């Protein structure tokens, strides 16, 4: 099962601060017992340790750790780490997310170079780069994404690059700046259905995110686009099917669907655990709607098996 950290682990006990101060006074939510089909290998093997050592040596942040991903043991054994740029503190306060919230530190201008060196050292064929939301920056961090993509391509010429970006809400020109760097895959997650945005993702706008993905294809149709959602937040089946149609109207290539897992009692509760058969049904329906690739299972996450999925995307296009 996933390990969730609720405090800042890098500080001494007396200086520790809540990861989510905005949630501190919310009433506790129930924690449902996970069903038998949600079981993962705990991290701690020698290969996991080797990946951890490389990440720490370069002083990097991974979403694998910060978001409490249940697949960290499996992925890091394969040296597949998903790097999270622009710090470990997000300016948004989504109800589902375990990434720390607050006022971020200034950008580390050496971070792109550090990412490039780590990617080369890990020997990655495909790398996923995501970030916290940086509403405090004039371009939302778009130029930092570009610098990171360029640094990876200098250090590891054969590595394909997938980015998982924030929505760049009210950041004119930011999206165009990132697309001009021509990542191999442009991912932006919707996270949930439209009716849940006010409670689950209050800082974002559902149709802005749809339009952002559509705009990527308008600028450069050769770039694969991708989006993902969580289920188990109280959405209806019909709402999920409507979301699929909305993404296909934006010509999105790849959809991921995974089970929401509640990080703490202060986060949005799990309303239901979706069965493996229901995930399979979602996958079948999404493929009939025209997605080139669909990954739907309880433990599916945006960057899980991303390298293998990229190869499948290229094969589907050809």
Protein backbone atom coordinates (compact mmCIF):
# COMPACT_ATOMS: atom_id res chain seq x y z
CA UNK A 1 0.00 0.00 0.00
CA UNK A 2 1.09 3.60 -0.54
CA UNK A 3 3.02 5.41 2.16
CA UNK A 4 1.68 8.93 2.74
CA UNK A 5 3.71 11.65 4.43
CA UNK A 6 1.78 14.45 6.16
CA UNK A 7 4.71 16.53 7.40
CA UNK A 8 7.77 18.21 5.96
CA UNK A 9 10.33 15.45 6.38
CA UNK A 10 13.37 17.64 5.68
CA UNK A 11 12.94 19.77 8.82
CA UNK A 12 13.77 19.04 12.44
CA UNK A 13 10.75 17.91 14.51
CA UNK A 14 10.36 21.32 16.17
CA UNK A 15 10.29 23.07 12.79
CA UNK A 16 7.98 20.71 10.95
CA UNK A 17 5.00 22.27 9.26
CA UNK A 18 1.79 20.68 7.93
CA UNK A 19 1.96 19.77 4.25
CA UNK A 20 -1.56 21.11 3.82
CA UNK A 21 -2.22 24.02 6.20
CA UNK A 22 -5.38 24.93 4.30
CA UNK A 23 -6.87 21.53 5.21
CA UNK A 24 -5.86 21.53 8.88
CA UNK A 25 -9.24 22.69 10.23
CA UNK A 26 -11.37 20.55 7.96
CA UNK A 27 -13.29 17.69 9.59
CA UNK A 28 -11.72 14.28 9.29
CA UNK A 29 -13.03 12.10 6.48
CA UNK A 30 -13.40 8.32 6.80
CA UNK A 31 -10.66 6.11 5.38
CA UNK A 32 -12.20 3.14 3.60
CA UNK A 33 -10.45 -0.22 3.70
CA UNK A 34 -8.80 -0.96 0.38
CA UNK A 35 -10.14 -3.98 -1.52
CA UNK A 36 -8.02 -7.01 -2.29
CA UNK A 37 -7.34 -5.90 -5.87
CA UNK A 38 -5.36 -2.85 -4.67
CA UNK A 39 -2.09 -4.38 -3.51
CA UNK A 40 1.39 -3.19 -4.46
CA UNK A 41 4.96 -4.14 -3.71
CA UNK A 42 6.51 -2.03 -0.95
CA UNK A 43 9.62 -0.07 -1.98
CA UNK A 44 13.00 -0.97 -0.57
CA UNK A 45 14.86 -3.28 -2.99
CA UNK A 46 18.47 -2.70 -4.04
CA UNK A 47 17.40 -1.42 -7.47
CA UNK A 48 14.91 0.95 -5.83
CA UNK A 49 17.72 2.18 -3.61
CA UNK A 50 19.98 2.82 -6.62
CA UNK A 51 17.33 5.03 -8.22
CA UNK A 52 16.75 6.85 -4.94
CA UNK A 53 20.48 7.50 -4.63
CA UNK A 54 20.66 9.11 -8.09
CA UNK A 55 17.62 11.30 -7.39
CA UNK A 56 19.06 12.49 -4.07
CA UNK A 57 22.57 13.01 -5.46
CA UNK A 58 21.22 15.59 -7.91
CA UNK A 59 18.91 17.17 -5.33
CA UNK A 60 15.78 16.47 -7.37
CA UNK A 61 12.10 16.14 -6.50
CA UNK A 62 9.92 13.31 -7.80
CA UNK A 63 6.15 13.18 -7.96
CA UNK A 64 6.52 9.49 -7.10
CA UNK A 65 7.46 10.47 -3.54
CA UNK A 66 5.63 13.77 -3.11
CA UNK A 67 2.25 12.45 -4.29
CA UNK A 68 2.62 9.11 -2.49
CA UNK A 69 2.32 7.08 -5.70
CA UNK A 70 1.47 3.42 -5.03
CA UNK A 71 3.66 2.27 -7.93
CA UNK A 72 6.93 3.79 -6.70
CA UNK A 73 8.39 0.40 -5.72
CA UNK A 74 7.72 -1.14 -9.13
CA UNK A 75 8.82 1.88 -11.19
CA UNK A 76 12.00 2.70 -9.29
CA UNK A 77 13.15 -0.90 -9.57
CA UNK A 78 13.23 -0.21 -13.33
CA UNK A 79 14.91 3.20 -12.78
CA UNK A 80 11.74 4.91 -13.98
CA UNK A 81 11.43 8.07 -11.88
CA UNK A 82 9.03 10.89 -12.76
CA UNK A 83 10.69 14.22 -12.00
CA UNK A 84 8.69 17.12 -10.59
CA UNK A 85 10.24 20.47 -11.48
CA UNK A 86 9.95 23.95 -9.94
CA UNK A 87 10.08 22.76 -6.34
CA UNK A 88 7.97 20.65 -4.01
CA UNK A 89 5.38 23.28 -3.06
CA UNK A 90 2.24 23.96 -5.12
CA UNK A 91 0.26 27.21 -5.25
CA UNK A 92 -3.00 25.29 -5.64
CA UNK A 93 -4.83 23.29 -2.97
CA UNK A 94 -6.65 20.48 -4.76
CA UNK A 95 -8.73 18.30 -2.47
CA UNK A 96 -7.21 15.03 -3.77
CA UNK A 97 -3.50 15.85 -3.92
CA UNK A 98 -0.76 15.08 -1.40
CA UNK A 99 1.80 17.51 -2.84
CA UNK A 100 2.67 20.20 -0.31
CA UNK A 101 0.83 23.53 -0.66
CA UNK A 102 2.01 27.04 0.16
CA UNK A 103 4.30 29.76 -1.21
CA UNK A 104 7.03 28.14 -3.33
CA UNK A 105 10.71 29.01 -3.23
CA UNK A 106 12.38 30.77 -6.17
CA UNK A 107 13.20 28.59 -9.17
CA UNK A 108 16.44 26.65 -9.15
CA UNK A 109 18.03 27.79 -12.41
CA UNK A 110 20.36 24.78 -12.36
CA UNK A 111 17.48 22.31 -12.11
CA UNK A 112 17.11 21.66 -15.88
CA UNK A 113 20.80 20.71 -16.09
CA UNK A 114 20.47 18.47 -13.02
CA UNK A 115 17.46 16.74 -14.60
CA UNK A 116 19.39 16.17 -17.81
CA UNK A 117 22.32 14.60 -15.93
CA UNK A 118 20.01 12.36 -13.88
CA UNK A 119 18.15 11.17 -17.00
CA UNK A 120 21.46 10.28 -18.65
CA UNK A 121 22.72 8.50 -15.52
CA UNK A 122 19.51 6.49 -15.19
CA UNK A 123 19.74 5.53 -18.87
CA UNK A 124 16.09 6.30 -19.55
CA UNK A 125 14.63 5.66 -23.00
CA UNK A 126 11.58 7.76 -22.07
CA UNK A 127 11.19 10.29 -19.26
CA UNK A 128 8.16 12.03 -17.78
CA UNK A 129 8.55 15.57 -16.43
CA UNK A 130 5.77 17.10 -14.37
CA UNK A 131 5.58 20.11 -12.08
CA UNK A 132 3.76 21.80 -9.27
CA UNK A 133 1.40 24.65 -10.21
CA UNK A 134 3.29 27.94 -10.13
CA UNK A 135 0.61 30.60 -10.31
CA UNK A 136 3.15 33.01 -8.79
CA UNK A 137 5.25 33.02 -11.99
CA UNK A 138 4.39 35.29 -14.90
CA UNK A 139 4.48 32.39 -17.38
CA UNK A 140 3.40 29.66 -14.95
CA UNK A 141 6.80 28.03 -15.38
CA UNK A 142 6.53 27.52 -19.15
CA UNK A 143 10.10 28.68 -19.83
CA UNK A 144 11.40 26.32 -17.14
CA UNK A 145 9.67 23.41 -18.89
CA UNK A 146 11.36 24.44 -22.14
CA UNK A 147 14.79 24.66 -20.49
CA UNK A 148 14.29 21.21 -18.95
CA UNK A 149 13.28 19.64 -22.28
CA UNK A 150 16.33 21.19 -23.96
CA UNK A 151 18.68 20.06 -21.18
CA UNK A 152 17.44 16.46 -21.44
CA UNK A 153 17.98 16.45 -25.19
CA UNK A 154 21.53 17.73 -24.76
CA UNK A 155 22.39 15.14 -22.11
CA UNK A 156 20.45 12.15 -23.49
CA UNK A 157 19.84 12.58 -27.20
CA UNK A 158 17.92 9.33 -27.66
CA UNK A 159 15.54 9.84 -24.73
CA UNK A 160 11.97 10.76 -25.63
CA UNK A 161 10.32 13.38 -23.44
CA UNK A 162 6.80 13.39 -22.04
CA UNK A 163 5.60 16.40 -20.08
CA UNK A 164 2.67 16.56 -17.67
CA UNK A 165 1.87 20.24 -17.30
CA UNK A 166 -0.35 22.45 -15.17
CA UNK A 167 -3.16 24.32 -16.92
CA UNK A 168 -1.32 27.67 -17.36
CA UNK A 169 -4.58 29.37 -16.44
CA UNK A 170 -4.49 33.10 -17.26
CA UNK A 171 -0.86 32.83 -18.49
CA UNK A 172 -1.02 34.22 -22.03
CA UNK A 173 1.46 32.63 -24.42
CA UNK A 174 2.68 30.03 -21.90
CA UNK A 175 1.22 27.03 -23.69
CA UNK A 176 2.59 28.14 -27.05
CA UNK A 177 6.06 28.49 -25.52
CA UNK A 178 6.02 24.90 -24.26
CA UNK A 179 4.59 23.39 -27.44
CA UNK A 180 7.32 25.12 -29.48
CA UNK A 181 9.87 22.95 -27.62
CA UNK A 182 8.15 19.94 -29.24
CA UNK A 183 7.87 17.39 -26.44
CA UNK A 184 7.09 13.91 -27.72
CA UNK A 185 3.98 13.66 -25.51
CA UNK A 186 2.00 16.55 -24.02
CA UNK A 187 -0.06 15.42 -21.04
CA UNK A 188 -2.46 17.52 -19.02
CA UNK A 189 -4.77 15.72 -16.62
CA UNK A 190 -8.43 16.62 -16.23
CA UNK A 191 -8.32 14.65 -12.94
CA UNK A 192 -12.12 14.36 -12.58
CA UNK A 193 -15.46 15.05 -14.28
CA UNK A 194 -16.82 18.57 -14.70
CA UNK A 195 -19.33 18.44 -11.84
CA UNK A 196 -16.60 17.67 -9.29
CA UNK A 197 -14.27 20.57 -10.11
CA UNK A 198 -15.63 22.98 -7.50
CA UNK A 199 -14.85 20.57 -4.65
CA UNK A 200 -12.00 18.48 -6.06
CA UNK A 201 -10.05 20.92 -8.24
CA UNK A 202 -11.33 24.40 -7.29
CA UNK A 203 -8.39 26.36 -8.74
CA UNK A 204 -8.89 24.91 -12.24
CA UNK A 205 -11.53 25.18 -14.98
CA UNK A 206 -12.72 22.04 -16.75
CA UNK A 207 -13.32 23.55 -20.20
CA UNK A 208 -10.10 25.56 -20.04
CA UNK A 209 -8.24 22.25 -19.65
CA UNK A 210 -10.12 20.75 -22.60
CA UNK A 211 -9.27 23.79 -24.70
CA UNK A 212 -5.60 23.63 -23.68
CA UNK A 213 -5.32 20.07 -25.00
CA UNK A 214 -7.15 21.01 -28.18
CA UNK A 215 -4.82 23.97 -28.71
CA UNK A 216 -1.75 21.70 -28.55
CA UNK A 217 -3.05 19.77 -31.56
CA UNK A 218 -3.90 22.98 -33.42
CA UNK A 219 -0.32 24.22 -32.99
CA UNK A 220 1.45 20.94 -33.75
CA UNK A 221 -0.62 17.92 -34.74
CA UNK A 222 2.43 15.63 -34.60
CA UNK A 223 2.63 15.83 -30.80
CA UNK A 224 0.81 13.05 -28.96
CA UNK A 225 -1.69 14.40 -26.42
CA UNK A 226 -2.75 12.64 -23.27
CA UNK A 227 -5.02 13.17 -20.28
CA UNK A 228 -5.96 11.25 -17.17
CA UNK A 229 -8.67 11.06 -14.56
CA UNK A 230 -9.31 9.40 -11.21
CA UNK A 231 -12.51 7.56 -10.45
CA UNK A 232 -14.08 6.86 -7.08
CA UNK A 233 -14.65 10.54 -6.25
CA UNK A 234 -18.42 10.31 -6.59
CA UNK A 235 -18.70 10.72 -10.36
CA UNK A 236 -21.37 8.87 -12.34
CA UNK A 237 -20.69 6.52 -15.25
CA UNK A 238 -22.48 8.87 -17.65
CA UNK A 239 -20.24 11.74 -16.55
CA UNK A 240 -17.14 9.67 -17.31
CA UNK A 241 -18.48 8.84 -20.77
CA UNK A 242 -19.21 12.54 -21.40
CA UNK A 243 -15.65 13.38 -20.37
CA UNK A 244 -14.39 10.86 -22.93
CA UNK A 245 -16.42 12.62 -25.63
CA UNK A 246 -15.08 16.01 -24.54
CA UNK A 247 -11.49 14.77 -24.80
CA UNK A 248 -12.10 13.21 -28.20
CA UNK A 249 -13.58 16.52 -29.40
CA UNK A 250 -10.13 17.95 -28.56
CA UNK A 251 -8.47 15.12 -30.53
CA UNK A 252 -6.70 13.68 -27.46
CA UNK A 253 -4.82 10.48 -28.30
CA UNK A 254 -4.37 8.74 -24.96
CA UNK A 255 -6.58 8.43 -21.87
CA UNK A 256 -5.59 7.04 -18.48
CA UNK A 257 -8.11 6.12 -15.77
CA UNK A 258 -7.09 5.09 -12.25
CA UNK A 259 -8.58 4.66 -8.81
CA UNK A 260 -8.46 7.65 -6.46
CA UNK A 261 -6.67 6.79 -3.22
CA UNK A 262 -7.16 9.17 -0.30
CA UNK A 263 -3.83 10.52 1.06
CA UNK A 264 -5.14 11.46 4.52
CA UNK A 265 -8.30 12.04 6.57
CA UNK A 266 -8.17 15.72 5.58
CA UNK A 267 -8.42 14.96 1.86
CA UNK A 268 -11.49 14.26 -0.24
CA UNK A 269 -12.91 10.89 0.77
CA UNK A 270 -12.97 7.84 -1.46
CA UNK A 271 -16.65 7.48 -2.36
CA UNK A 272 -16.24 4.11 -4.04
CA UNK A 273 -13.67 1.56 -5.16
CA UNK A 274 -14.22 0.83 -8.85
CA UNK A 275 -13.84 -2.86 -9.69
CA UNK A 276 -11.36 -4.21 -12.26
CA UNK A 277 -14.31 -5.26 -14.45
CA UNK A 278 -15.64 -1.69 -14.45
CA UNK A 279 -12.21 -0.40 -15.45
CA UNK A 280 -12.11 -2.88 -18.30
CA UNK A 281 -15.53 -1.66 -19.46
CA UNK A 282 -14.31 1.95 -19.41
CA UNK A 283 -11.27 0.94 -21.47
CA UNK A 284 -13.41 -0.83 -24.07
CA UNK A 285 -15.81 2.10 -24.39
CA UNK A 286 -12.98 4.65 -24.67
CA UNK A 287 -11.34 2.68 -27.48
CA UNK A 288 -14.62 2.58 -29.40
CA UNK A 289 -14.81 6.37 -29.04
CA UNK A 290 -11.57 6.72 -30.98
CA UNK A 291 -8.69 7.02 -28.51
CA UNK A 292 -5.49 5.55 -29.93
CA UNK A 293 -4.57 4.15 -26.53
CA UNK A 294 -6.35 3.68 -23.19
CA UNK A 295 -4.94 2.52 -19.87
CA UNK A 296 -7.59 1.84 -17.24
CA UNK A 297 -7.03 -0.10 -14.03
CA UNK A 298 -7.12 0.53 -10.27
CA UNK A 299 -3.39 1.30 -10.13
CA UNK A 300 -3.09 3.17 -13.43
CA UNK A 301 -1.27 6.50 -13.04
CA UNK A 302 -0.24 9.05 -15.66
CA UNK A 303 3.40 8.05 -15.83
CA UNK A 304 3.00 4.34 -15.03
CA UNK A 305 4.51 2.32 -17.92
CA UNK A 306 4.86 5.60 -19.86
CA UNK A 307 7.76 4.35 -21.96
CA UNK A 308 5.96 1.20 -23.07
CA UNK A 309 2.82 3.22 -23.72
CA UNK A 310 4.74 5.69 -25.90
CA UNK A 311 5.94 2.82 -28.07
CA UNK A 312 2.34 1.61 -28.36
CA UNK A 313 1.19 5.11 -29.32
CA UNK A 314 3.73 5.30 -32.12
CA UNK A 315 2.69 1.87 -33.34
CA UNK A 316 -0.98 2.86 -33.30
CA UNK A 317 -0.28 5.98 -35.35
CA UNK A 318 1.81 4.14 -37.93
